[in-house]
Amino acid sequence: MSIKRSLARLAQTTPRQLDVASVRGALPGQRRDTEHGELHLIDEYLEPHHHHGQAPIARALHVSTERLAQLALDPTLEGVDLQRALFFDTETTGLAGGTGTVPFLIGIGWFEDQSMRIQQLFLPELGREAPMLHWLRERVQQSSCVVSFNGKTFDWPLLRNRFVLNRVRAPVLPPHLDLLHCARRVLRSRLKSVRLVELERQVLGMYREDDVSGALIPQLYFDYLDGGDVSPIAKVIEHNANDLIALAALVAELVNHFEQVHGGDDPRDHLAYAKVAERTGDRARARSFADAAARGGGESVCTVEACMLNARMARRVGDVDDEERALLEALRAADDEDLRAAVRLALSKLYEHRRKDLARALEHAAGTNLAEGEDAAERRVARLERRLARQA
């Protein structure tokens, strides 16, 4: 039975799975002769309706590249042709670094119309990387952008090193979307871990069954080189394919939740999206998400931070009334002395410098010790008292 026929029987919400029994004794895929040598290639398609957990992966083709660029804090991603985006992930012989780490499986994926095509380049013998690297180089050159998970720190530097060591000219990398950075930016406040498998569970509703542990993968490859059963390697190939599919699903899900406020989202997520919008200067979006965070019934610290963000946005456009409203709302929500001190410091500055209401500025200055330190708080109180005395 082929992998594709096996795949067609799966429910849409299950992970992509190989029929391991059908490949026992033989690797999935086939060897292909290229002008640079023999290449072992696994080449598969996913149907347009395929879901990874709750996320239809083809939705990644239709997200706003403006939102995508904002989420990544990378303006070069705005306007990219997502039909030509290249998703990539590697499995390696370990984390030795330098010349000791070899990518023995390079997974790449892209969309052809609404279907996702997955190609996996497998290294059946050490020392035969050049055909893989040439194949990868050609795909990268055809791409509008690349998408990875920790690829900026690990996968691409490793691959660039392998290009050099194998005397294959490395491609010029187009804009690089590293979803690990995006996930940390918007989900770290809520999730204990932003590992890809955890994001699958918490964000996509995907639970892999019988997945191989990443820590075991290097040894499984060495066992294969020593003549072991190929079934474990088939599971590694399966693991890598699911990582690629997860990248497309995450692009769809993260950008979709940044496009507009989803009422059922966690207030901490709303606040995180508000902070991203604030950093990119999108005031309307920042206010929309901050309002959702402030009214979401979350913990006090989340509500206070959201109100403080609204106050900052109001201050930048000179809306003193809105700034005051947001800060007073933050003060009402603050449930401990540290939070109240930070809000009172902001209120004291507002009343002194923008409202010119020195009495109210002094009232709040009396409670700023924990926010700015005792000496600074005393100087603030003394200055305000002198100014009030001169007005009398």
Protein backbone atom coordinates (compact mmCIF):
# COMPACT_ATOMS: atom_id res chain seq x y z
CA MET A 1 0.00 0.00 0.00
CA SER A 2 1.43 3.44 -0.91
CA ILE A 3 1.79 6.21 1.63
CA LYS A 4 -0.70 8.31 -0.32
CA ARG A 5 -3.42 5.64 -0.26
CA SER A 6 -2.77 5.07 3.43
CA LEU A 7 -3.03 8.81 4.03
CA ALA A 8 -6.34 9.09 2.19
CA ARG A 9 -8.01 6.82 4.75
CA LEU A 10 -7.13 9.06 7.68
CA ALA A 11 -9.59 11.44 9.32
CA GLN A 12 -8.90 15.08 8.57
CA THR A 13 -8.03 15.89 12.16
CA THR A 14 -5.49 13.14 12.68
CA PRO A 15 -1.75 13.53 12.11
CA ARG A 16 -0.30 12.39 8.84
CA GLN A 17 0.75 8.76 9.35
CA LEU A 18 2.76 6.22 7.42
CA ASP A 19 1.65 2.63 7.20
CA VAL A 20 4.86 1.44 8.87
CA ALA A 21 4.11 -2.22 8.23
CA SER A 22 4.12 -1.57 4.50
CA VAL A 23 7.61 -0.08 4.55
CA ARG A 24 9.28 -2.61 6.83
CA GLY A 25 12.49 -3.63 5.14
CA ALA A 26 12.41 -0.72 2.68
CA LEU A 27 12.56 3.03 3.14
CA PRO A 28 9.56 5.13 2.14
CA GLY A 29 10.11 6.99 -1.11
CA GLN A 30 12.52 6.20 -3.87
CA ARG A 31 16.00 6.94 -5.10
CA ARG A 32 16.23 9.38 -7.95
CA ASP A 33 19.15 10.13 -10.23
CA THR A 34 20.00 13.82 -10.50
CA GLU A 35 22.80 15.68 -12.25
CA HIS A 36 24.49 16.00 -8.85
CA GLY A 37 24.17 12.37 -7.83
CA GLU A 38 21.64 9.96 -6.41
CA LEU A 39 18.94 11.40 -4.16
CA HIS A 40 16.52 9.56 -1.87
CA LEU A 41 13.22 11.43 -2.08
CA ILE A 42 9.86 11.00 -0.35
CA ASP A 43 7.29 13.02 -2.31
CA GLU A 44 3.66 13.34 -1.14
CA TYR A 45 0.60 15.58 -1.42
CA LEU A 46 -2.04 16.53 1.12
CA GLU A 47 -5.56 17.25 -0.08
CA PRO A 48 -6.86 20.86 0.02
CA HIS A 49 -9.31 20.03 2.83
CA HIS A 50 -6.62 18.59 5.12
CA HIS A 51 -6.74 19.81 8.74
CA HIS A 52 -3.99 19.64 11.30
CA GLY A 53 -6.04 19.51 14.47
CA GLN A 54 -8.68 22.21 14.14
CA ALA A 55 -6.77 24.27 11.57
CA PRO A 56 -7.29 23.81 7.82
CA ILE A 57 -3.77 24.10 6.48
CA ALA A 58 -4.79 25.69 3.17
CA ARG A 59 -5.94 28.73 5.15
CA ALA A 60 -2.26 29.66 5.36
CA LEU A 61 -2.52 30.71 1.71
CA HIS A 62 -5.14 33.33 2.46
CA VAL A 63 -3.91 35.11 5.59
CA SER A 64 -3.13 38.81 5.48
CA THR A 65 0.56 39.29 4.75
CA GLU A 66 0.27 42.69 6.44
CA ARG A 67 -0.77 40.97 9.67
CA LEU A 68 1.87 38.32 9.11
CA ALA A 69 4.59 40.97 8.80
CA GLN A 70 3.34 42.69 11.95
CA LEU A 71 3.25 39.46 13.91
CA ALA A 72 6.81 38.64 12.85
CA LEU A 73 7.99 42.25 13.32
CA ASP A 74 9.45 41.90 9.83
CA PRO A 75 8.23 44.37 7.17
CA THR A 76 9.89 42.33 4.39
CA LEU A 77 7.15 39.71 4.77
CA GLU A 78 4.38 42.11 3.77
CA GLY A 79 3.17 41.34 0.29
CA VAL A 80 5.00 38.02 -0.12
CA ASP A 81 3.35 35.46 -2.37
CA LEU A 82 2.25 32.78 0.07
CA GLN A 83 1.68 30.37 -2.80
CA ARG A 84 5.48 30.35 -3.10
CA ALA A 85 6.27 30.09 0.62
CA LEU A 86 8.63 27.24 1.51
CA PHE A 87 8.22 25.45 4.83
CA PHE A 88 11.32 23.60 6.01
CA ASP A 89 12.54 21.48 8.91
CA THR A 90 15.51 19.20 9.52
CA GLU A 91 16.29 16.08 11.53
CA THR A 92 19.94 15.81 12.47
CA THR A 93 22.55 13.55 13.99
CA GLY A 94 22.58 15.61 17.19
CA LEU A 95 23.63 18.93 18.62
CA ALA A 96 27.40 18.54 18.48
CA GLY A 97 27.81 21.76 16.52
CA GLY A 98 30.42 22.62 13.92
CA THR A 99 31.08 19.87 11.38
CA GLY A 100 29.79 17.15 13.73
CA THR A 101 26.08 17.75 13.13
CA VAL A 102 24.66 16.40 9.89
CA PRO A 103 21.06 16.93 8.67
CA PHE A 104 20.14 13.44 7.54
CA LEU A 105 16.53 14.40 6.72
CA ILE A 106 15.51 17.72 5.18
CA GLY A 107 11.78 18.27 4.95
CA ILE A 108 10.38 20.94 2.65
CA GLY A 109 6.79 21.79 1.84
CA TRP A 110 4.88 24.26 -0.31
CA PHE A 111 1.45 24.71 -1.78
CA GLU A 112 0.46 23.78 -5.30
CA ASP A 113 -2.94 25.39 -5.76
CA GLN A 114 -4.68 24.42 -2.49
CA SER A 115 -2.78 21.17 -1.94
CA MET A 116 0.34 21.02 0.19
CA ARG A 117 3.24 19.15 -1.36
CA ILE A 118 5.76 17.60 1.01
CA GLN A 119 9.19 16.48 -0.10
CA GLN A 120 11.67 14.88 2.28
CA LEU A 121 15.29 14.44 1.34
CA PHE A 122 16.84 11.50 3.17
CA LEU A 123 20.55 10.74 3.55
CA PRO A 124 20.95 6.95 3.31
CA GLU A 125 24.73 7.15 3.73
CA LEU A 126 26.95 9.75 5.35
CA GLY A 127 29.05 11.72 2.90
CA ARG A 128 26.36 12.00 0.21
CA GLU A 129 24.80 15.33 1.12
CA ALA A 130 25.52 17.23 -2.11
CA PRO A 131 22.45 16.02 -4.07
CA MET A 132 20.19 16.96 -1.13
CA LEU A 133 21.73 20.41 -0.87
CA HIS A 134 21.45 21.10 -4.58
CA TRP A 135 17.79 20.05 -4.49
CA LEU A 136 17.15 22.31 -1.49
CA ARG A 137 19.00 25.19 -3.12
CA GLU A 138 16.77 25.04 -6.18
CA ARG A 139 13.59 25.08 -4.07
CA VAL A 140 14.77 28.00 -1.94
CA GLN A 141 15.60 30.00 -5.07
CA GLN A 142 12.02 29.54 -6.29
CA SER A 143 10.50 30.70 -3.00
CA SER A 144 9.13 34.07 -1.94
CA CYS A 145 9.86 33.38 1.73
CA VAL A 146 10.82 30.49 4.01
CA VAL A 147 8.97 29.37 7.13
CA SER A 148 10.56 27.43 9.98
CA PHE A 149 10.40 26.78 13.70
CA ASN A 150 13.67 27.87 15.29
CA GLY A 151 15.19 27.86 11.82
CA LYS A 152 16.91 31.21 12.24
CA THR A 153 18.92 29.93 15.20
CA PHE A 154 19.37 26.26 14.34
CA ASP A 155 18.22 24.81 11.02
CA TRP A 156 19.40 27.43 8.57
CA PRO A 157 22.83 28.11 10.16
CA LEU A 158 23.37 24.34 10.15
CA LEU A 159 22.34 24.03 6.51
CA ARG A 160 24.46 27.02 5.50
CA ASN A 161 27.43 25.30 7.12
CA ARG A 162 26.71 22.09 5.21
CA PHE A 163 26.59 24.03 1.93
CA VAL A 164 30.07 25.37 2.65
CA LEU A 165 31.51 22.02 3.72
CA ASN A 166 30.11 20.26 0.64
CA ARG A 167 31.21 23.03 -1.72
CA VAL A 168 27.67 23.72 -2.86
CA ARG A 169 26.83 27.37 -3.35
CA ALA A 170 24.25 28.37 -0.76
CA PRO A 171 21.13 30.15 -2.00
CA VAL A 172 20.35 33.70 -1.02
CA LEU A 173 17.67 33.29 1.62
CA PRO A 174 14.43 35.21 1.01
CA PRO A 175 12.50 36.69 3.98
CA HIS A 176 12.49 34.16 6.82
CA LEU A 177 9.46 33.69 9.07
CA ASP A 178 10.53 31.89 12.23
CA LEU A 179 7.35 30.85 14.01
CA LEU A 180 9.15 30.15 17.27
CA HIS A 181 9.69 33.89 17.68
CA CYS A 182 6.05 34.61 16.87
CA ALA A 183 4.83 31.96 19.31
CA ARG A 184 7.01 33.32 22.09
CA ARG A 185 5.74 36.82 21.39
CA VAL A 186 2.04 36.02 21.65
CA LEU A 187 1.71 32.80 23.66
CA ARG A 188 4.53 32.68 26.19
CA SER A 189 2.51 34.51 28.86
CA ARG A 190 -0.11 31.75 28.79
CA LEU A 191 1.75 28.57 27.89
CA LYS A 192 4.50 27.06 30.00
CA SER A 193 6.21 25.79 26.85
CA VAL A 194 6.19 26.95 23.23
CA ARG A 195 7.71 23.74 21.86
CA LEU A 196 6.09 22.82 18.57
CA VAL A 197 4.38 19.72 19.96
CA GLU A 198 2.91 21.83 22.79
CA LEU A 199 1.64 24.44 20.34
CA GLU A 200 -0.02 21.65 18.39
CA ARG A 201 -1.91 20.57 21.49
CA GLN A 202 -2.79 23.97 22.93
CA VAL A 203 -3.35 26.02 19.76
CA LEU A 204 -4.25 23.51 17.05
CA GLY A 205 -5.96 20.82 19.13
CA MET A 206 -3.63 18.22 17.62
CA TYR A 207 -2.37 15.22 19.61
CA ARG A 208 0.18 13.03 17.84
CA GLU A 209 -0.15 9.31 18.41
CA ASP A 210 2.89 7.07 18.67
CA ASP A 211 5.19 9.97 17.79
CA VAL A 212 8.94 9.45 18.06
CA SER A 213 10.74 11.54 20.66
CA GLY A 214 13.10 14.10 19.20
CA ALA A 215 15.75 13.09 21.70
CA LEU A 216 15.82 9.58 20.22
CA ILE A 217 16.07 10.58 16.59
CA PRO A 218 19.89 10.79 16.26
CA GLN A 219 20.36 7.30 17.72
CA LEU A 220 17.61 5.87 15.50
CA TYR A 221 19.50 7.14 12.48
CA PHE A 222 22.79 5.67 13.65
CA ASP A 223 21.01 2.37 14.28
CA TYR A 224 19.72 2.49 10.72
CA LEU A 225 23.25 3.10 9.39
CA ASP A 226 24.38 0.05 11.35
CA GLY A 227 21.86 -2.08 9.45
CA GLY A 228 18.89 -1.85 11.77
CA ASP A 229 15.20 -2.10 10.94
CA VAL A 230 13.92 0.82 8.84
CA SER A 231 10.59 1.01 10.73
CA PRO A 232 11.95 3.49 13.31
CA ILE A 233 13.29 5.67 10.48
CA ALA A 234 9.85 5.59 8.90
CA LYS A 235 8.52 7.06 12.15
CA VAL A 236 11.19 9.78 12.02
CA ILE A 237 10.07 10.63 8.49
CA GLU A 238 6.50 10.74 9.80
CA HIS A 239 7.56 13.04 12.64
CA ASN A 240 9.30 15.41 10.23
CA ALA A 241 6.28 15.54 7.90
CA ASN A 242 3.98 16.44 10.77
CA ASP A 243 6.36 19.22 11.80
CA LEU A 244 6.08 20.70 8.30
CA ILE A 245 2.29 20.47 8.28
CA ALA A 246 2.17 22.07 11.73
CA LEU A 247 4.04 25.10 10.38
CA ALA A 248 1.34 25.78 7.79
CA ALA A 249 -1.41 25.25 10.36
CA LEU A 250 0.26 27.62 12.83
CA VAL A 251 0.63 30.36 10.23
CA ALA A 252 -3.10 30.08 9.57
CA GLU A 253 -4.09 30.02 13.24
CA LEU A 254 -1.80 32.71 14.63
CA VAL A 255 -2.49 35.23 11.90
CA ASN A 256 -6.22 34.51 11.97
CA HIS A 257 -6.32 35.35 15.68
CA PHE A 258 -4.37 38.56 15.06
CA GLU A 259 -6.65 39.64 12.21
CA GLN A 260 -9.54 40.31 14.58
CA VAL A 261 -10.50 39.87 18.21
CA HIS A 262 -11.92 36.42 18.99
CA GLY A 263 -14.11 36.73 22.04
CA GLY A 264 -13.30 33.27 23.34
CA ASP A 265 -9.54 33.79 23.37
CA ASP A 266 -7.65 34.05 26.64
CA PRO A 267 -7.17 37.66 27.86
CA ARG A 268 -3.43 37.01 28.03
CA ASP A 269 -3.44 36.25 24.31
CA HIS A 270 -5.39 39.44 23.64
CA LEU A 271 -2.83 41.41 25.63
CA ALA A 272 0.07 39.81 23.78
CA TYR A 273 -1.48 40.66 20.41
CA ALA A 274 -2.10 44.21 21.65
CA LYS A 275 1.59 44.57 22.51
CA VAL A 276 2.60 43.38 19.03
CA ALA A 277 0.21 45.87 17.44
CA GLU A 278 1.58 48.62 19.68
CA ARG A 279 5.15 47.83 18.61
CA THR A 280 4.17 48.09 14.96
CA GLY A 281 2.32 51.38 15.42
CA ASP A 282 -1.12 49.91 14.71
CA ARG A 283 -2.98 51.94 17.32
CA ALA A 284 -6.49 50.85 16.37
CA ARG A 285 -5.59 47.16 16.55
CA ALA A 286 -3.67 47.65 19.78
CA ARG A 287 -6.65 49.37 21.39
CA SER A 288 -9.05 46.71 20.16
CA PHE A 289 -7.03 43.87 21.65
CA ALA A 290 -6.20 45.79 24.83
CA ASP A 291 -9.88 46.51 25.41
CA ALA A 292 -10.63 42.80 24.98
CA ALA A 293 -7.88 41.93 27.46
CA ALA A 294 -9.09 44.51 30.00
CA ARG A 295 -12.66 43.25 29.83
CA GLY A 296 -11.84 39.57 29.52
CA GLY A 297 -12.09 38.72 33.21
CA GLY A 298 -8.47 37.69 33.50
CA GLU A 299 -6.07 38.13 36.38
CA SER A 300 -5.48 41.60 37.77
CA VAL A 301 -2.01 41.94 36.28
CA CYS A 302 -3.35 41.26 32.79
CA THR A 303 -6.18 43.78 33.18
CA VAL A 304 -3.83 46.43 34.56
CA GLU A 305 -1.29 45.92 31.78
CA ALA A 306 -4.03 46.22 29.17
CA CYS A 307 -5.29 49.46 30.68
CA MET A 308 -1.76 50.85 30.91
CA LEU A 309 -1.22 50.01 27.23
CA ASN A 310 -4.39 51.91 26.37
CA ALA A 311 -3.12 54.84 28.40
CA ARG A 312 0.19 54.84 26.50
CA MET A 313 -1.60 54.80 23.16
CA ALA A 314 -3.82 57.70 24.24
CA ARG A 315 -0.82 59.70 25.45
CA ARG A 316 0.94 59.32 22.11
CA VAL A 317 -1.93 61.04 20.32
CA GLY A 318 -2.49 63.63 23.04
CA ASP A 319 -5.85 62.32 24.23
CA VAL A 320 -5.60 63.26 27.91
CA ASP A 321 -9.19 62.31 28.75
CA ASP A 322 -8.73 58.81 27.36
CA GLU A 323 -5.38 58.42 29.09
CA GLU A 324 -6.91 59.41 32.42
CA ARG A 325 -9.85 57.06 31.94
CA ALA A 326 -7.56 54.12 31.18
CA LEU A 327 -5.29 54.81 34.16
CA LEU A 328 -8.19 55.11 36.59
CA GLU A 329 -9.55 51.85 35.23
CA ALA A 330 -6.13 50.29 35.84
CA LEU A 331 -6.10 51.60 39.41
CA ARG A 332 -9.48 50.04 40.12
CA ALA A 333 -8.27 46.70 38.76
CA ALA A 334 -4.94 46.65 40.63
CA ASP A 335 -5.11 44.16 43.49
CA ASP A 336 -1.65 44.50 45.04
CA GLU A 337 0.63 47.31 46.16
CA ASP A 338 3.19 46.91 43.37
CA LEU A 339 0.57 47.27 40.67
CA ARG A 340 -1.10 50.20 42.42
CA ALA A 341 2.25 51.97 42.81
CA ALA A 342 2.98 51.71 39.07
CA VAL A 343 -0.44 53.07 38.18
CA ARG A 344 -0.22 55.88 40.74
CA LEU A 345 3.13 56.91 39.29
CA ALA A 346 1.58 57.20 35.83
CA LEU A 347 -1.38 59.14 37.27
CA SER A 348 0.91 61.49 39.17
CA LYS A 349 2.78 62.31 35.95
CA LEU A 350 -0.47 62.81 34.06
CA TYR A 351 -1.93 65.21 36.62
CA GLU A 352 1.31 67.17 37.00
CA HIS A 353 2.34 67.52 33.37
CA ARG A 354 -0.84 67.22 31.30
CA ARG A 355 -3.73 68.09 33.57
CA LYS A 356 -1.72 70.69 35.54
CA ASP A 357 -3.61 69.51 38.62
CA LEU A 358 -0.84 69.57 41.22
CA ALA A 359 -3.07 68.59 44.14
CA ARG A 360 -4.15 65.35 42.49
CA ALA A 361 -0.60 64.74 41.28
CA LEU A 362 0.57 65.03 44.92
CA GLU A 363 -2.20 62.70 46.07
CA HIS A 364 -0.96 59.92 43.79
CA ALA A 365 2.74 60.72 44.34
CA ALA A 366 2.31 59.64 47.95
CA GLY A 367 1.92 56.04 46.79
CA THR A 368 4.70 55.63 44.22
CA ASN A 369 7.53 54.33 46.43
CA LEU A 370 7.34 50.75 45.20
CA ALA A 371 7.38 51.87 41.57
CA GLU A 372 10.23 54.39 41.51
CA GLY A 373 12.08 53.92 44.79
CA GLU A 374 11.86 55.83 48.05
CA ASP A 375 14.35 58.60 47.14
CA ALA A 376 12.72 59.39 43.81
CA ALA A 377 9.26 59.32 45.38
CA GLU A 378 10.35 61.73 48.12
CA ARG A 379 11.81 64.12 45.55
CA ARG A 380 8.57 63.97 43.55
CA VAL A 381 6.47 64.77 46.64
CA ALA A 382 8.80 67.61 47.69
CA ARG A 383 8.73 69.18 44.21
CA LEU A 384 4.96 69.06 44.05
CA GLU A 385 4.64 70.54 47.54
CA ARG A 386 6.94 73.44 46.59
CA ARG A 387 4.95 74.13 43.43
CA LEU A 388 1.69 74.07 45.33
CA ALA A 389 3.12 76.45 47.94
CA ARG A 390 4.11 78.93 45.23
CA GLN A 391 0.58 78.82 43.84
CA ALA A 392 -0.94 79.56 47.24
